[in-house]
PDB file of N, CA and C in Angstrom:
ATOM      1  N   MET A   1       0.857  -1.171   0.000  1.00  0.00           N
ATOM      2  CA  MET A   1       0.000   0.000   0.000  1.00  0.00           C
ATOM      3  C   MET A   1       0.899   1.228   0.000  1.00  0.00           C
ATOM      4  N   GLU A   2       0.626   2.138  -0.906  1.00  0.00           N
ATOM      5  CA  GLU A   2       1.413   3.358  -1.008  1.00  0.00           C
ATOM      6  C   GLU A   2       0.956   4.376   0.035  1.00  0.00           C
ATOM      7  N   THR A   3       1.881   5.226   0.436  1.00  0.00           N
ATOM      8  CA  THR A   3       1.593   6.294   1.391  1.00  0.00           C
ATOM      9  C   THR A   3       1.876   7.633   0.718  1.00  0.00           C
ATOM     10  N   VAL A   4       0.942   8.567   0.860  1.00  0.00           N
ATOM     11  CA  VAL A   4       1.131   9.912   0.317  1.00  0.00           C
ATOM     12  C   VAL A   4       0.768  10.932   1.389  1.00  0.00           C
ATOM     13  N   GLY A   5       1.392  12.095   1.325  1.00  0.00           N
ATOM     14  CA  GLY A   5       1.085  13.169   2.253  1.00  0.00           C
ATOM     15  C   GLY A   5      -0.242  13.831   1.913  1.00  0.00           C
ATOM     16  N   ALA A   6      -0.824  14.503   2.889  1.00  0.00           N
ATOM     17  CA  ALA A   6      -2.132  15.144   2.713  1.00  0.00           C
ATOM     18  C   ALA A   6      -2.100  16.186   1.603  1.00  0.00           C
ATOM     19  N   TYR A   7      -1.029  16.971   1.520  1.00  0.00           N
ATOM     20  CA  TYR A   7      -0.947  17.998   0.475  1.00  0.00           C
ATOM     21  C   TYR A   7      -0.938  17.339  -0.906  1.00  0.00           C
ATOM     22  N   HIS A   8      -0.134  16.288  -1.058  1.00  0.00           N
ATOM     23  CA  HIS A   8      -0.084  15.563  -2.328  1.00  0.00           C
ATOM     24  C   HIS A   8      -1.462  14.980  -2.659  1.00  0.00           C
ATOM     25  N   ALA A   9      -2.123  14.406  -1.670  1.00  0.00           N
ATOM     26  CA  ALA A   9      -3.450  13.828  -1.890  1.00  0.00           C
ATOM     27  C   ALA A   9      -4.429  14.898  -2.353  1.00  0.00           C
ATOM     28  N   LYS A  10      -4.344  16.083  -1.743  1.00  0.00           N
ATOM     29  CA  LYS A  10      -5.254  17.163  -2.106  1.00  0.00           C
ATOM     30  C   LYS A  10      -5.006  17.627  -3.541  1.00  0.00           C
ATOM     31  N   THR A  11      -3.749  17.757  -3.913  1.00  0.00           N
ATOM     32  CA  THR A  11      -3.448  18.297  -5.229  1.00  0.00           C
ATOM     33  C   THR A  11      -3.567  17.261  -6.342  1.00  0.00           C
ATOM     34  N   HIS A  12      -3.534  15.978  -6.005  1.00  0.00           N
ATOM     35  CA  HIS A  12      -3.598  14.919  -7.011  1.00  0.00           C
ATOM     36  C   HIS A  12      -4.766  13.960  -6.792  1.00  0.00           C
ATOM     37  N   LEU A  13      -5.824  14.432  -6.149  1.00  0.00           N
ATOM     38  CA  LEU A  13      -6.947  13.554  -5.810  1.00  0.00           C
ATOM     39  C   LEU A  13      -7.541  12.829  -7.022  1.00  0.00           C
ATOM     40  N   PRO A  14      -7.776  13.494  -8.149  1.00  0.00           N
ATOM     41  CA  PRO A  14      -8.350  12.755  -9.286  1.00  0.00           C
ATOM     42  C   PRO A  14      -7.483  11.560  -9.716  1.00  0.00           C
ATOM     43  N   ARG A  15      -6.164  11.738  -9.735  1.00  0.00           N
ATOM     44  CA  ARG A  15      -5.275  10.626 -10.103  1.00  0.00           C
ATOM     45  C   ARG A  15      -5.331   9.509  -9.065  1.00  0.00           C
ATOM     46  N   LEU A  16      -5.378   9.895  -7.785  1.00  0.00           N
ATOM     47  CA  LEU A  16      -5.450   8.882  -6.731  1.00  0.00           C
ATOM     48  C   LEU A  16      -6.754   8.091  -6.832  1.00  0.00           C
ATOM     49  N   ILE A  17      -7.840   8.780  -7.127  1.00  0.00           N
ATOM     50  CA  ILE A  17      -9.129   8.099  -7.268  1.00  0.00           C
ATOM     51  C   ILE A  17      -9.088   7.110  -8.433  1.00  0.00           C
ATOM     52  N   ASP A  18      -8.459   7.514  -9.532  1.00  0.00           N
ATOM     53  CA  ASP A  18      -8.318   6.588 -10.663  1.00  0.00           C
ATOM     54  C   ASP A  18      -7.581   5.324 -10.241  1.00  0.00           C
ATOM     55  N   ARG A  19      -6.531   5.486  -9.455  1.00  0.00           N
ATOM     56  CA  ARG A  19      -5.761   4.331  -8.993  1.00  0.00           C
ATOM     57  C   ARG A  19      -6.582   3.449  -8.055  1.00  0.00           C
ATOM     58  N   VAL A  20      -7.352   4.090  -7.192  1.00  0.00           N
ATOM     59  CA  VAL A  20      -8.197   3.335  -6.252  1.00  0.00           C
ATOM     60  C   VAL A  20      -9.256   2.551  -7.024  1.00  0.00           C
ATOM     61  N   GLN A  21      -9.806   3.148  -8.077  1.00  0.00           N
ATOM     62  CA  GLN A  21     -10.800   2.443  -8.888  1.00  0.00           C
ATOM     63  C   GLN A  21     -10.202   1.187  -9.508  1.00  0.00           C
ATOM     64  N   LYS A  22      -8.900   1.170  -9.698  1.00  0.00           N
ATOM     65  CA  LYS A  22      -8.229  -0.001 -10.265  1.00  0.00           C
ATOM     66  C   LYS A  22      -7.854  -1.028  -9.198  1.00  0.00           C
ATOM     67  N   GLY A  23      -8.203  -0.710  -7.932  1.00  0.00           N
ATOM     68  CA  GLY A  23      -7.994  -1.689  -6.873  1.00  0.00           C
ATOM     69  C   GLY A  23      -6.904  -1.361  -5.862  1.00  0.00           C
ATOM     70  N   GLU A  24      -6.191  -0.250  -6.044  1.00  0.00           N
ATOM     71  CA  GLU A  24      -5.125   0.101  -5.102  1.00  0.00           C
ATOM     72  C   GLU A  24      -5.689   0.662  -3.800  1.00  0.00           C
ATOM     73  N   ARG A  25      -4.914   0.513  -2.743  1.00  0.00           N
ATOM     74  CA  ARG A  25      -5.203   1.157  -1.449  1.00  0.00           C
ATOM     75  C   ARG A  25      -4.097   2.164  -1.200  1.00  0.00           C
ATOM     76  N   ILE A  26      -4.455   3.361  -0.762  1.00  0.00           N
ATOM     77  CA  ILE A  26      -3.485   4.423  -0.552  1.00  0.00           C
ATOM     78  C   ILE A  26      -3.707   5.024   0.830  1.00  0.00           C
ATOM     79  N   THR A  27      -2.633   5.067   1.617  1.00  0.00           N
ATOM     80  CA  THR A  27      -2.706   5.677   2.946  1.00  0.00           C
ATOM     81  C   THR A  27      -2.331   7.149   2.830  1.00  0.00           C
ATOM     82  N   ILE A  28      -3.123   8.013   3.461  1.00  0.00           N
ATOM     83  CA  ILE A  28      -2.833   9.447   3.479  1.00  0.00           C
ATOM     84  C   ILE A  28      -2.295   9.790   4.865  1.00  0.00           C
ATOM     85  N   THR A  29      -1.183  10.521   4.876  1.00  0.00           N
ATOM     86  CA  THR A  29      -0.560  10.897   6.135  1.00  0.00           C
ATOM     87  C   THR A  29      -0.572  12.419   6.299  1.00  0.00           C
ATOM     88  N   LYS A  30      -0.502  12.834   7.551  1.00  0.00           N
ATOM     89  CA  LYS A  30      -0.352  14.251   7.877  1.00  0.00           C
ATOM     90  C   LYS A  30       0.825  14.341   8.830  1.00  0.00           C
ATOM     91  N   HIS A  31       1.872  15.005   8.398  1.00  0.00           N
ATOM     92  CA  HIS A  31       3.112  15.090   9.171  1.00  0.00           C
ATOM     93  C   HIS A  31       3.642  13.695   9.505  1.00  0.00           C
ATOM     94  N   GLY A  32       3.510  12.785   8.529  1.00  0.00           N
ATOM     95  CA  GLY A  32       4.039  11.438   8.700  1.00  0.00           C
ATOM     96  C   GLY A  32       3.152  10.467   9.466  1.00  0.00           C
ATOM     97  N   VAL A  33       2.014  10.939   9.956  1.00  0.00           N
ATOM     98  CA  VAL A  33       1.112  10.090  10.733  1.00  0.00           C
ATOM     99  C   VAL A  33      -0.081   9.691   9.857  1.00  0.00           C
ATOM    100  N   PRO A  34      -0.358   8.400   9.712  1.00  0.00           N
ATOM    101  CA  PRO A  34      -1.505   7.979   8.897  1.00  0.00           C
ATOM    102  C   PRO A  34      -2.815   8.530   9.465  1.00  0.00           C
ATOM    103  N   VAL A  35      -3.622   9.138   8.577  1.00  0.00           N
ATOM    104  CA  VAL A  35      -4.898   9.705   9.020  1.00  0.00           C
ATOM    105  C   VAL A  35      -6.094   9.172   8.231  1.00  0.00           C
ATOM    106  N   ALA A  36      -5.840   8.567   7.060  1.00  0.00           N
ATOM    107  CA  ALA A  36      -6.951   8.064   6.242  1.00  0.00           C
ATOM    108  C   ALA A  36      -6.426   7.031   5.258  1.00  0.00           C
ATOM    109  N   VAL A  37      -7.365   6.233   4.759  1.00  0.00           N
ATOM    110  CA  VAL A  37      -7.036   5.255   3.732  1.00  0.00           C
ATOM    111  C   VAL A  37      -8.052   5.398   2.606  1.00  0.00           C
ATOM    112  N   LEU A  38      -7.540   5.540   1.381  1.00  0.00           N
ATOM    113  CA  LEU A  38      -8.402   5.496   0.204  1.00  0.00           C
ATOM    114  C   LEU A  38      -8.386   4.060  -0.282  1.00  0.00           C
ATOM    115  N   GLN A  39      -9.563   3.476  -0.423  1.00  0.00           N
ATOM    116  CA  GLN A  39      -9.640   2.102  -0.889  1.00  0.00           C
ATOM    117  C   GLN A  39     -10.933   1.907  -1.650  1.00  0.00           C
ATOM    118  N   PRO A  40     -10.952   0.912  -2.544  1.00  0.00           N
ATOM    119  CA  PRO A  40     -12.185   0.654  -3.284  1.00  0.00           C
ATOM    120  C   PRO A  40     -13.310   0.229  -2.340  1.00  0.00           C
ATOM    121  N   LEU A  41     -14.528   0.575  -2.719  1.00  0.00           N
ATOM    122  CA  LEU A  41     -15.688   0.132  -1.950  1.00  0.00           C
ATOM    123  C   LEU A  41     -15.846  -1.367  -2.084  1.00  0.00           C
ATOM    124  N   ASP A  42     -16.328  -1.983  -1.034  1.00  0.00           N
ATOM    125  CA  ASP A  42     -16.590  -3.418  -1.054  1.00  0.00           C
ATOM    126  C   ASP A  42     -18.082  -3.621  -1.275  1.00  0.00           C
ATOM    127  N   PRO A  43     -18.484  -4.048  -2.470  1.00  0.00           N
ATOM    128  CA  PRO A  43     -19.924  -4.197  -2.730  1.00  0.00           C
ATOM    129  C   PRO A  43     -20.589  -5.234  -1.832  1.00  0.00           C
ATOM    130  N   LYS A  44     -19.793  -6.105  -1.203  1.00  0.00           N
ATOM    131  CA  LYS A  44     -20.356  -7.113  -0.305  1.00  0.00           C
ATOM    132  C   LYS A  44     -20.808  -6.501   1.012  1.00  0.00           C
ATOM    133  N   LYS A  45     -20.388  -5.267   1.286  1.00  0.00           N
ATOM    134  CA  LYS A  45     -20.717  -4.624   2.559  1.00  0.00           C
ATOM    135  C   LYS A  45     -21.930  -3.712   2.441  1.00  0.00           C
ATOM    136  N   ASN A  46     -22.829  -4.016   1.530  1.00  0.00           N
ATOM    137  CA  ASN A  46     -24.060  -3.229   1.426  1.00  0.00           C
ATOM    138  C   ASN A  46     -24.837  -3.358   2.729  1.00  0.00           C
ATOM    139  N   VAL A  47     -25.353  -2.266   3.199  1.00  0.00           N
ATOM    140  CA  VAL A  47     -26.073  -2.244   4.461  1.00  0.00           C
ATOM    141  C   VAL A  47     -27.574  -2.261   4.186  1.00  0.00           C
ATOM    142  N   ASP A  48     -28.272  -3.145   4.859  1.00  0.00           N
ATOM    143  CA  ASP A  48     -29.721  -3.211   4.752  1.00  0.00           C
ATOM    144  C   ASP A  48     -30.309  -2.145   5.667  1.00  0.00           C
ATOM    145  N   LEU A  49     -30.871  -1.112   5.070  1.00  0.00           N
ATOM    146  CA  LEU A  49     -31.370   0.026   5.827  1.00  0.00           C
ATOM    147  C   LEU A  49     -32.426  -0.367   6.850  1.00  0.00           C
ATOM    148  N   LYS A  50     -33.305  -1.282   6.509  1.00  0.00           N
ATOM    149  CA  LYS A  50     -34.363  -1.702   7.443  1.00  0.00           C
ATOM    150  C   LYS A  50     -33.761  -2.357   8.690  1.00  0.00           C
ATOM    151  N   SER A  51     -32.698  -3.135   8.521  1.00  0.00           N
ATOM    152  CA  SER A  51     -32.088  -3.783   9.687  1.00  0.00           C
ATOM    153  C   SER A  51     -31.369  -2.756  10.561  1.00  0.00           C
ATOM    154  N   VAL A  52     -30.782  -1.738   9.950  1.00  0.00           N
ATOM    155  CA  VAL A  52     -30.137  -0.686  10.735  1.00  0.00           C
ATOM    156  C   VAL A  52     -31.174   0.062  11.564  1.00  0.00           C
ATOM    157  N   ILE A  53     -32.295   0.395  10.958  1.00  0.00           N
ATOM    158  CA  ILE A  53     -33.365   1.102  11.682  1.00  0.00           C
ATOM    159  C   ILE A  53     -33.894   0.231  12.809  1.00  0.00           C
ATOM    160  N   ALA A  54     -34.062  -1.052  12.554  1.00  0.00           N
ATOM    161  CA  ALA A  54     -34.539  -1.971  13.595  1.00  0.00           C
ATOM    162  C   ALA A  54     -33.565  -2.016  14.768  1.00  0.00           C
ATOM    163  N   GLU A  55     -32.273  -2.059  14.483  1.00  0.00           N
ATOM    164  CA  GLU A  55     -31.265  -2.066  15.549  1.00  0.00           C
ATOM    165  C   GLU A  55     -31.300  -0.768  16.344  1.00  0.00           C
ATOM    166  N   LEU A  56     -31.482   0.353  15.671  1.00  0.00           N
ATOM    167  CA  LEU A  56     -31.579   1.635  16.377  1.00  0.00           C
ATOM    168  C   LEU A  56     -32.810   1.666  17.289  1.00  0.00           C
ATOM    169  N   CYS A  57     -33.908   1.127  16.823  1.00  0.00           N
ATOM    170  CA  CYS A  57     -35.119   1.076  17.647  1.00  0.00           C
ATOM    171  C   CYS A  57     -34.906   0.197  18.881  1.00  0.00           C
ATOM    172  N   LYS A  58     -34.230  -0.943  18.713  1.00  0.00           N
ATOM    173  CA  LYS A  58     -33.920  -1.804  19.857  1.00  0.00           C
ATOM    174  C   LYS A  58     -33.038  -1.071  20.852  1.00  0.00           C
ATOM    175  N   PHE A  59     -32.036  -0.363  20.346  1.00  0.00           N
ATOM    176  CA  PHE A  59     -31.141   0.391  21.218  1.00  0.00           C
ATOM    177  C   PHE A  59     -31.928   1.431  22.012  1.00  0.00           C
ATOM    178  N   ARG A  60     -32.803   2.150  21.327  1.00  0.00           N
ATOM    179  CA  ARG A  60     -33.611   3.184  21.986  1.00  0.00           C
ATOM    180  C   ARG A  60     -34.492   2.586  23.073  1.00  0.00           C
ATOM    181  N   ASP A  61     -35.042   1.411  22.819  1.00  0.00           N
ATOM    182  CA  ASP A  61     -35.909   0.769  23.805  1.00  0.00           C
ATOM    183  C   ASP A  61     -35.134   0.338  25.060  1.00  0.00           C
ATOM    184  N   ARG A  62     -33.868  -0.010  24.901  1.00  0.00           N
ATOM    185  CA  ARG A  62     -33.058  -0.479  26.028  1.00  0.00           C
ATOM    186  C   ARG A  62     -32.390   0.665  26.798  1.00  0.00           C
ATOM    187  N   HIS A  63     -32.326   1.842  26.196  1.00  0.00           N
ATOM    188  CA  HIS A  63     -31.632   2.961  26.834  1.00  0.00           C
ATOM    189  C   HIS A  63     -32.587   4.122  27.025  1.00  0.00           C
ATOM    190  N   SER A  64     -32.480   4.741  28.174  1.00  0.00           N
ATOM    191  CA  SER A  64     -33.407   5.814  28.515  1.00  0.00           C
ATOM    192  C   SER A  64     -32.641   7.069  28.912  1.00  0.00           C
ATOM    193  N   LEU A  65     -33.284   8.206  28.704  1.00  0.00           N
ATOM    194  CA  LEU A  65     -32.724   9.476  29.152  1.00  0.00           C
ATOM    195  C   LEU A  65     -33.181   9.799  30.571  1.00  0.00           C
ATOM    196  N   GLY A  66     -33.904   8.878  31.159  1.00  0.00           N
ATOM    197  CA  GLY A  66     -34.437   9.139  32.490  1.00  0.00           C
ATOM    198  C   GLY A  66     -35.535  10.177  32.401  1.00  0.00           C
ATOM    199  N   GLU A  67     -35.465  11.149  33.270  1.00  0.00           N
ATOM    200  CA  GLU A  67     -36.481  12.203  33.301  1.00  0.00           C
ATOM    201  C   GLU A  67     -36.199  13.326  32.306  1.00  0.00           C
ATOM    202  N   LEU A  68     -35.033  13.311  31.682  1.00  0.00           N
ATOM    203  CA  LEU A  68     -34.675  14.392  30.762  1.00  0.00           C
ATOM    204  C   LEU A  68     -35.332  14.207  29.401  1.00  0.00           C
ATOM    205  N   SER A  69     -35.699  15.331  28.808  1.00  0.00           N
ATOM    206  CA  SER A  69     -36.156  15.292  27.422  1.00  0.00           C
ATOM    207  C   SER A  69     -34.982  15.747  26.545  1.00  0.00           C
ATOM    208  N   ILE A  70     -35.057  15.461  25.290  1.00  0.00           N
ATOM    209  CA  ILE A  70     -33.997  15.903  24.384  1.00  0.00           C
ATOM    210  C   ILE A  70     -33.919  17.421  24.375  1.00  0.00           C
ATOM    211  N   ARG A  71     -35.068  18.089  24.419  1.00  0.00           N
ATOM    212  CA  ARG A  71     -35.088  19.555  24.448  1.00  0.00           C
ATOM    213  C   ARG A  71     -34.337  20.066  25.673  1.00  0.00           C
ATOM    214  N   GLU A  72     -34.549  19.459  26.849  1.00  0.00           N
ATOM    215  CA  GLU A  72     -33.851  19.877  28.065  1.00  0.00           C
ATOM    216  C   GLU A  72     -32.342  19.674  27.917  1.00  0.00           C
ATOM    217  N   MET A  73     -31.946  18.591  27.284  1.00  0.00           N
ATOM    218  CA  MET A  73     -30.520  18.336  27.086  1.00  0.00           C
ATOM    219  C   MET A  73     -29.904  19.383  26.158  1.00  0.00           C
ATOM    220  N   ILE A  74     -30.641  19.771  25.116  1.00  0.00           N
ATOM    221  CA  ILE A  74     -30.158  20.793  24.196  1.00  0.00           C
ATOM    222  C   ILE A  74     -29.988  22.108  24.934  1.00  0.00           C
ATOM    223  N   GLU A  75     -31.017  22.472  25.724  1.00  0.00           N
ATOM    224  CA  GLU A  75     -30.959  23.729  26.465  1.00  0.00           C
ATOM    225  C   GLU A  75     -29.806  23.720  27.478  1.00  0.00           C
ATOM    226  N   GLU A  76     -29.584  22.579  28.137  1.00  0.00           N
ATOM    227  CA  GLU A  76     -28.492  22.466  29.105  1.00  0.00           C
ATOM    228  C   GLU A  76     -27.149  22.679  28.425  1.00  0.00           C
ATOM    229  N   GLY A  77     -27.013  22.155  27.219  1.00  0.00           N
ATOM    230  CA  GLY A  77     -25.758  22.299  26.490  1.00  0.00           C
ATOM    231  C   GLY A  77     -25.497  23.705  26.029  1.00  0.00           C
ATOM    232  N   ARG A  78     -26.521  24.545  25.954  1.00  0.00           N
ATOM    233  CA  ARG A  78     -26.368  25.929  25.494  1.00  0.00           C
ATOM    234  C   ARG A  78     -25.921  26.870  26.612  1.00  0.00           C
ATOM    235  N   ARG A  79     -25.989  26.391  27.856  1.00  0.00           N
ATOM    236  CA  ARG A  79     -25.636  27.282  28.969  1.00  0.00           C
ATOM    237  C   ARG A  79     -24.152  27.382  29.143  1.00  0.00           C
TER     238      ARG A  79
END
C-alpha cells in the first residue's frame, strides 16, 4: 500500500481516485502520521437500511434518558 502526504493527496486527488478504482489502497498521512485510507468500496458490505433502523429502535428501547427530554438536554448544552 502506497503512502502519500495530505498535500499531495489534495493536489492529485483525481489521479489517486483513478488508482483506487483499479484496486489500489493508498494511505494518506499528515506530518508522517496515517490519518486516512483510500480504498475501493466493497460491494459485499451493502447495508440493509431496514435492519439498521430496527437495531436503532432496539437500542432506543433499552436505553433511557431518564427524566430528561432531548429539548432539556439541548438547552443544558447551550448554557
